[in-house]
Protein backbone atom coordinates (compact mmCIF):
# COMPACT_ATOMS: atom_id res chain seq x y z
CA MET A 1 208.77 164.45 16.27
CA LYS A 2 208.16 168.10 17.75
CA PRO A 3 205.26 168.14 20.19
CA ASN A 4 202.30 170.53 20.23
CA VAL A 5 203.25 173.64 20.90
CA TYR A 6 200.11 175.89 22.65
CA ARG A 7 199.80 179.26 20.25
CA PRO A 8 197.29 181.43 22.05
CA SER A 9 196.27 183.23 18.68
CA ASP A 10 195.55 179.53 17.06
CA ARG A 11 193.62 178.62 20.38
CA ALA A 12 191.39 181.51 20.24
CA ARG A 13 190.65 181.27 16.60
CA ARG A 14 189.79 177.08 17.09
CA VAL A 15 187.32 177.91 19.84
CA GLY A 16 185.87 180.78 17.99
CA HIS A 17 187.03 183.67 20.84
CA ARG A 18 189.17 186.07 21.41
CA MET A 19 192.01 186.05 24.07
CA ILE A 20 191.09 186.65 28.25
CA CYS A 21 192.94 189.66 27.79
CA VAL A 22 191.67 193.23 28.48
CA CYS A 23 192.37 194.63 25.26
CA THR A 24 190.20 192.43 23.50
CA LEU A 25 187.87 191.78 26.42
CA ALA A 26 187.02 195.25 25.58
CA ALA A 27 185.76 195.07 22.60
CA THR A 28 183.57 191.57 23.32
CA SER A 29 180.93 190.13 25.73
CA CYS A 30 181.89 187.21 27.78
CA PHE A 31 181.46 183.77 27.18
CA THR A 32 179.54 181.64 29.19
CA SER A 33 181.26 178.32 28.79
CA LEU A 34 182.52 177.31 31.86
CA GLU A 35 185.39 175.10 31.01
CA PHE A 36 187.09 174.46 27.37
CA THR A 37 186.24 170.72 26.44
CA SER A 38 188.71 170.18 23.19
CA ALA A 39 190.55 167.30 23.28
CA GLU A 40 193.62 169.02 23.36
CA ASP A 41 192.41 171.63 25.75
CA LYS A 42 192.80 168.33 28.36
CA GLN A 43 196.35 168.03 28.00
CA PRO A 44 198.19 170.16 30.05
CA GLN A 45 199.57 173.38 28.62
CA PRO A 46 201.87 176.10 29.68
CA GLN A 47 200.58 178.72 31.92
CA TYR A 48 202.56 181.13 30.07
CA GLU A 49 205.09 180.92 26.88
CA ALA A 50 206.85 183.23 25.27
CA GLY A 51 210.29 182.62 23.48
CA THR A 52 212.62 180.40 25.97
CA ILE A 53 210.14 181.01 28.59
CA VAL A 54 207.91 178.07 29.48
CA VAL A 55 205.92 178.15 32.89
CA PRO A 56 204.52 174.98 33.51
CA PRO A 57 200.80 174.74 34.10
CA ALA A 58 199.27 175.24 37.29
CA SER A 59 198.07 172.50 39.46
CA GLU A 60 196.53 171.49 42.94
CA GLU A 61 198.12 168.27 42.90
CA GLU A 62 201.83 170.25 42.60
CA PRO A 63 204.01 169.53 45.60
CA THR A 64 204.56 172.22 48.21
CA ARG A 65 208.41 172.82 49.02
CA GLU A 66 209.73 172.26 52.49
CA THR A 67 211.32 175.91 52.83
CA PHE A 68 210.43 179.30 51.48
CA SER A 69 211.75 180.56 48.81
CA PRO A 70 211.36 184.40 47.76
CA GLU A 71 213.83 184.28 44.78
CA LEU A 72 211.99 181.41 43.43
CA ALA A 73 208.37 183.09 43.80
CA ASP A 74 210.25 186.02 42.50
CA GLN A 75 211.39 184.37 39.39
CA HIS A 76 208.01 182.91 38.22
CA LEU A 77 206.29 185.77 38.40
CA THR A 78 209.02 187.75 35.97
CA ASP A 79 208.70 184.93 33.96
CA GLY A 80 205.08 184.99 33.66
CA ALA A 81 204.71 189.12 33.34
CA LEU A 82 207.44 189.18 30.58
CA ALA A 83 205.83 186.35 28.64
CA TRP A 84 202.39 187.48 28.88
CA SER A 85 203.72 191.12 27.93
CA GLU A 86 205.27 189.38 24.83
CA SER A 87 202.65 187.00 23.62
CA HIS A 88 199.27 189.13 24.46
CA LYS A 89 201.02 192.74 23.91
CA CYS A 90 198.61 194.09 26.79
CA VAL A 91 198.42 194.74 30.29
CA SER A 92 196.02 192.30 32.17
CA CYS A 93 194.61 192.69 35.49
CA HIS A 94 195.74 189.31 36.25
CA THR A 95 199.11 189.10 35.18
CA ASN A 96 201.31 191.84 34.00
CA GLY A 97 199.18 194.32 35.80
CA SER A 98 199.28 192.73 39.18
CA TYR A 99 203.21 192.07 38.75
CA LEU A 100 203.85 196.10 38.76
CA ALA A 101 201.17 196.85 41.19
CA VAL A 102 203.17 194.83 43.43
CA ARG A 103 206.37 193.74 43.01
CA ALA A 104 208.22 197.75 42.64
CA ALA A 105 207.77 197.48 46.16
CA LEU A 106 209.96 194.43 47.25
CA THR A 107 212.88 196.22 45.30
CA PRO A 108 214.40 196.75 49.11
CA GLN A 109 214.33 192.83 49.43
CA LEU A 110 214.51 191.55 45.38
CA GLY A 111 216.03 194.40 43.67
CA PRO A 112 214.02 196.36 40.83
CA PRO A 113 211.77 194.81 38.60
CA PRO A 114 213.22 194.58 34.87
CA GLU A 115 213.50 197.75 32.93
CA LYS A 116 211.50 195.83 30.28
CA LEU A 117 208.01 195.81 31.74
CA ARG A 118 208.20 199.64 32.75
CA GLU A 119 208.95 199.98 28.90
CA PHE A 120 206.21 198.01 28.14
CA PHE A 121 203.79 199.86 30.27
CA VAL A 122 204.93 203.42 28.95
CA LYS A 123 204.14 201.93 25.24
CA GLU A 124 200.98 201.13 26.60
CA VAL A 125 200.03 203.70 27.55
CA SER A 126 200.03 205.17 23.74
CA GLN A 127 198.51 202.30 22.85
CA LEU A 128 195.56 202.65 24.93
CA ALA A 129 195.20 206.15 24.16
CA GLY A 130 195.76 205.42 20.22
CA LYS A 131 192.32 203.25 20.66
CA GLY A 132 190.65 206.84 21.48
CA ILE A 133 188.32 208.08 24.21
CA ASP A 134 185.48 205.78 23.08
CA ALA A 135 187.38 202.51 23.17
CA VAL A 136 189.31 203.13 26.58
CA ARG A 137 185.45 203.66 28.59
CA THR A 138 184.61 200.54 26.89
CA GLY A 139 184.71 197.10 28.90
CA ALA A 140 188.29 196.17 30.29
CA ASN A 141 190.37 198.93 28.95
CA GLY A 142 189.10 201.33 31.46
CA THR A 143 190.41 199.24 34.26
CA ALA A 144 193.64 198.71 32.20
CA THR A 145 194.30 202.38 32.25
CA ALA A 146 194.23 202.49 35.66
CA TYR A 147 196.63 199.15 36.43
CA VAL A 148 198.97 201.03 33.97
CA ALA A 149 198.98 204.31 35.90
CA LEU A 150 199.57 202.03 38.99
CA GLY A 151 202.56 200.13 37.67
CA LEU A 152 204.38 203.06 36.51
CA ALA A 153 203.17 205.06 39.52
CA GLU A 154 204.47 201.97 41.86
CA TRP A 155 207.80 201.95 39.82
CA ASP A 156 208.36 205.99 40.44
CA ALA A 157 207.85 205.45 44.37
CA HIS A 158 209.54 202.64 44.89
CA VAL A 159 212.70 202.31 41.91
CA LEU A 160 212.77 206.03 40.48
CA GLY A 161 212.38 207.79 43.76
CA HIS A 162 210.06 210.46 42.06
CA ARG A 163 207.50 210.92 39.72
CA SER A 164 208.13 210.89 35.93
CA ALA A 165 206.79 212.57 32.92
CA GLU A 166 205.61 208.74 31.77
CA THR A 167 203.43 208.20 35.20
CA ASP A 168 201.63 211.79 34.32
CA LYS A 169 200.76 210.93 31.01
CA ALA A 170 199.31 207.24 32.30
CA LEU A 171 197.31 209.23 35.15
CA GLN A 172 196.00 211.71 32.60
CA LEU A 173 194.50 208.93 29.84
CA MET A 174 193.78 206.98 33.05
CA PHE A 175 191.06 210.29 34.18
CA SER A 176 190.13 210.71 30.64
CA ALA A 177 188.61 206.96 30.98
CA GLN A 178 186.89 207.70 34.03
CA LEU A 179 183.08 207.32 33.60
CA ASP A 180 180.50 210.05 34.33
CA ASP A 181 179.66 208.30 37.97
CA GLY A 182 183.05 208.20 39.03
CA SER A 183 184.23 204.42 37.94
CA TRP A 184 186.21 203.06 35.08
CA SER A 185 184.93 200.08 32.79
CA ASN A 186 185.71 196.85 33.50
CA ALA A 187 184.91 193.36 31.94
CA ASP A 188 182.36 191.70 34.57
CA CYS A 189 182.47 188.06 33.76
CA TRP A 190 186.10 187.30 34.88
CA PRO A 191 186.19 187.27 38.63
CA PRO A 192 187.87 188.16 40.86
CA LEU A 193 189.86 190.89 39.12
CA GLU A 194 187.80 191.61 35.92
CA SER A 195 184.23 191.26 37.40
CA SER A 196 183.17 195.12 38.28
CA PRO A 197 183.93 198.92 37.89
CA PHE A 198 184.53 199.06 41.45
CA HIS A 199 187.58 197.31 40.87
CA GLY A 200 189.04 199.48 38.51
CA ALA A 201 187.94 202.58 40.56
CA VAL A 202 190.28 200.77 43.46
CA MET A 203 193.52 200.45 41.34
CA ALA A 204 192.47 204.13 40.14
CA ALA A 205 192.64 205.31 43.41
CA LEU A 206 196.01 203.54 44.18
CA ALA A 207 197.76 205.23 41.62
CA VAL A 208 196.42 208.56 42.19
CA SER A 209 197.56 207.68 45.94
CA THR A 210 200.76 206.47 45.05
CA ALA A 211 202.28 208.76 42.33
CA PRO A 212 204.65 210.53 44.63
CA GLY A 213 203.15 213.97 44.88
CA TRP A 214 200.72 213.87 42.01
CA ARG A 215 197.71 214.30 44.37
CA ASP A 216 198.97 217.39 46.23
CA GLU A 217 200.10 219.09 43.18
CA VAL A 218 196.46 218.56 40.78
CA GLN A 219 195.48 222.11 40.10
CA ASP A 220 193.44 222.50 37.54
CA GLU A 221 189.83 222.09 38.33
CA GLN A 222 188.76 219.34 35.91
CA THR A 223 191.02 217.06 37.47
CA GLY A 224 190.51 217.87 40.99
CA ALA A 225 186.93 217.13 40.46
CA GLN A 226 187.18 213.83 39.08
CA VAL A 227 189.66 212.77 41.97
CA GLU A 228 186.53 214.34 43.97
CA ARG A 229 184.20 212.11 41.74
CA LEU A 230 186.41 208.97 42.36
CA ILE A 231 186.18 209.26 46.02
CA GLU A 232 182.25 209.58 46.14
CA TYR A 233 182.19 206.61 44.25
CA LEU A 234 183.95 204.50 46.71
CA ARG A 235 182.45 205.91 49.51
CA THR A 236 178.78 205.81 48.22
CA THR A 237 178.46 202.77 46.02
CA GLU A 238 176.47 199.66 47.51
CA LEU A 239 179.33 196.91 47.81
CA PRO A 240 178.32 193.72 45.92
CA HIS A 241 180.19 191.44 48.46
CA ASP A 242 183.04 191.16 51.37
CA TYR A 243 185.61 190.91 48.54
CA ALA A 244 184.87 194.39 47.49
CA ARG A 245 184.76 195.72 51.03
CA VAL A 246 188.44 193.83 50.83
CA LEU A 247 189.37 196.29 48.20
CA LEU A 248 187.52 199.47 49.84
CA LEU A 249 189.90 199.07 52.52
CA TRP A 250 193.08 198.42 50.65
CA ALA A 251 192.32 202.12 48.91
CA ALA A 252 191.69 203.78 51.80
CA THR A 253 195.15 202.36 53.41
CA ARG A 254 196.37 204.94 50.89
CA MET A 255 193.58 207.50 50.81
CA PRO A 256 193.24 208.29 54.70
CA ASP A 257 190.37 210.85 53.68
CA LEU A 258 188.20 208.21 51.71
CA ILE A 259 186.76 206.85 54.62
CA ASP A 260 186.28 207.29 58.70
CA GLU A 261 187.64 205.54 61.19
CA SER A 262 184.60 203.61 62.35
CA ARG A 263 184.39 202.34 58.78
CA GLN A 264 188.10 201.49 58.80
CA SER A 265 187.55 199.35 61.78
CA GLU A 266 184.35 197.38 60.03
CA LEU A 267 185.99 196.72 57.16
CA ILE A 268 188.92 195.31 59.17
CA ASP A 269 186.57 193.31 61.09
CA THR A 270 185.02 191.75 57.84
CA VAL A 271 188.59 190.42 56.89
CA TRP A 272 189.25 188.79 59.97
CA LYS A 273 185.58 187.03 60.08
CA HIS A 274 186.61 185.22 57.04
CA GLN A 275 190.06 183.93 58.47
CA ARG A 276 190.09 180.10 58.29
CA ALA A 277 191.29 177.27 60.96
CA ASP A 278 194.26 176.97 59.19
CA GLY A 279 195.11 180.33 59.35
CA GLY A 280 194.31 181.30 55.38
CA TRP A 281 191.56 182.93 53.56
CA SER A 282 189.75 181.29 50.46
CA MET A 283 188.54 183.78 47.87
CA ARG A 284 184.93 181.38 47.70
CA THR A 285 183.95 182.64 51.29
CA PHE A 286 184.02 186.34 50.34
CA ALA A 287 181.22 186.64 47.83
CA GLU A 288 178.40 184.13 46.83
CA PRO A 289 178.65 182.19 43.45
CA GLU A 290 176.00 184.27 41.86
CA GLN A 291 177.58 187.66 43.46
CA TRP A 292 180.94 187.19 41.09
CA GLY A 293 180.28 189.79 38.12
CA GLN A 294 177.34 188.75 36.13
CA GLY A 295 176.94 185.36 38.06
CA ASN A 296 177.61 183.50 34.96
CA ARG A 297 180.04 181.59 36.94
CA THR A 298 177.49 180.54 39.58
CA LYS A 299 176.44 176.84 38.20
CA ARG A 300 180.40 175.86 38.41
CA LEU A 301 180.90 177.01 41.70
CA LEU A 302 177.63 175.51 42.97
CA ARG A 303 179.30 171.95 41.58
CA GLU A 304 182.16 172.27 43.40
CA SER A 305 182.68 169.49 45.99
CA ASP A 306 184.19 171.88 48.66
CA ARG A 307 181.60 174.31 48.45
CA ALA A 308 180.49 173.66 52.08
CA ASP A 309 184.08 174.45 53.67
CA PRO A 310 186.47 175.63 50.90
CA PRO A 311 190.43 175.81 51.56
CA SER A 312 192.31 178.57 51.84
CA ASP A 313 194.16 179.88 48.74
CA GLY A 314 197.30 182.14 48.35
CA HIS A 315 195.45 185.11 46.48
CA MET A 316 193.26 186.06 49.46
CA THR A 317 195.27 185.07 51.89
CA GLY A 318 198.18 187.33 50.56
CA LEU A 319 195.25 189.92 49.93
CA ALA A 320 193.93 189.84 53.46
CA ILE A 321 197.59 190.16 55.28
CA LEU A 322 199.00 192.82 52.76
CA VAL A 323 195.54 194.85 53.06
CA LEU A 324 195.52 194.27 57.46
CA ARG A 325 199.18 195.33 57.50
CA ASP A 326 198.52 198.20 55.39
CA ALA A 327 195.73 199.18 57.64
CA GLY A 328 197.71 198.86 60.37
CA ILE A 329 197.62 195.80 61.81
CA PRO A 330 201.18 195.00 63.41
CA SER A 331 202.96 191.78 62.19
CA GLU A 332 203.24 190.54 65.43
CA ASP A 333 199.44 189.75 65.41
CA LYS A 334 198.84 186.12 66.58
CA ARG A 335 196.19 186.13 63.39
CA ILE A 336 198.36 187.82 61.22
CA GLN A 337 201.21 185.03 62.25
CA GLN A 338 198.93 182.27 62.01
CA GLY A 339 198.20 183.42 58.14
CA VAL A 340 202.00 183.77 57.90
CA ALA A 341 202.75 180.64 58.71
CA TRP A 342 199.85 179.25 56.10
CA LEU A 343 202.29 180.90 53.33
CA LEU A 344 204.97 179.83 54.35
CA ALA A 345 203.65 175.70 54.53
CA ASN A 346 202.19 176.25 50.99
CA GLN A 347 204.27 177.57 48.57
CA ARG A 348 204.79 175.37 45.58
CA ASP A 349 207.65 173.98 43.68
CA SER A 350 207.50 176.18 41.16
CA GLY A 351 207.58 178.87 43.48
CA ARG A 352 203.98 179.92 43.20
CA TRP A 353 200.80 179.80 45.27
CA TRP A 354 198.14 177.68 44.35
CA ALA A 355 194.34 179.30 43.85
CA ARG A 356 191.91 177.59 42.02
CA SER A 357 190.18 179.79 39.11
CA LEU A 358 186.52 181.17 39.79
CA ASN A 359 186.03 180.52 35.76
CA THR A 360 187.49 177.76 34.36
CA ASN A 361 189.56 174.74 35.01
CA THR A 362 192.00 175.49 32.28
CA PHE A 363 195.04 177.65 32.88
CA HIS A 364 194.35 178.83 36.62
CA TYR A 365 195.59 182.41 36.25
CA ILE A 366 194.60 183.39 39.67
CA THR A 367 197.62 181.62 40.50
CA PHE A 368 199.71 184.65 39.29
CA SER A 369 198.02 186.90 41.51
CA SER A 370 197.90 184.82 44.40
CA THR A 371 201.87 184.69 44.38
CA ALA A 372 202.29 188.46 44.15
CA TYR A 373 200.29 188.91 46.98
CA ALA A 374 201.65 186.13 48.76
CA LEU A 375 205.36 187.45 48.14
CA SER A 376 204.03 191.04 49.12
CA ALA A 377 202.67 189.90 51.98
CA LEU A 378 205.48 187.81 53.11
CA ALA A 379 207.95 190.82 52.95
CA LYS A 380 205.08 193.30 54.85
CA CYS A 381 205.99 190.97 57.83
CA GLY A 382 209.39 191.07 57.52
CA ALA A 383 209.35 187.12 56.45
CA PHE A 384 212.46 187.92 54.41
């Protein structure tokens, strides 16, 4: 008998909610249930599935590998990004958005990402533009424009070698979605990636700074003023938690005029203070439960048995190391090497790195950015 196969559209209809996707979150308010409780949801479902691609569920119980395999990690990421694009038809922060944000830079080590994903991002520019200006300034669509522009800018910088007309269009769309305060709209209830406008603004700053020659060639006054408004927003916004401080440091590594050396040193010290005894970092130490998004994950996070001493995870360890390296910390630094050792010891059999979701106990999509950031961090440290 053919087993039941998870179909996103069916599941969304059964539970009465739209997909967890930037395309649809923009049009809906976030729901506050912490875990799905139907009998079917208790059964392991593929994390990603489309056509012949079936990515197995993410689990803390998955064994770790004896040897590090960048190829296996890359295959896991590519499968997930392709499957999400095919099945969900949108760019999400947690999957294909994170993929092109870091994967193109790994071209020297792993070859270029599939051209099919670039084509999908190019089409997404038209899809988002077709929603109209009000829609792209609403919900997570604003941040989606930033991820699309960043992904195409990264492709230009690391694969194509020069800025493309498609990236120019993506940046134009991105700035059409900028809000009056200089930020980009985002969902505020799916931390850490879809939880604040600040996150979207950082992705926009990375896109502006990565697109080859774009910022130096800005000539029209309106766009120039929008770039300055972005910089002012990042400089003056009261940061909600230390996770946002890591993001600000990341933006500053590509936008040298964003903050001064004193502020950069302060942010670097913030990252170091969160390093765990085992050499890794944990998302959960970078914000109090009520500080994530609307605080609607507070009860769930407070119930976690290891709340007082949360384990290191791939997402935060990878992000911390890649940002510190971009900020100029040498790979030979003892603390960096401790983090590298943690990453090398904690890759799972599937190629991914584990991180427990801050949101639900179902798909743990955060393991995707965990794997993307971990692979990027290891590359920046010469581990492969």
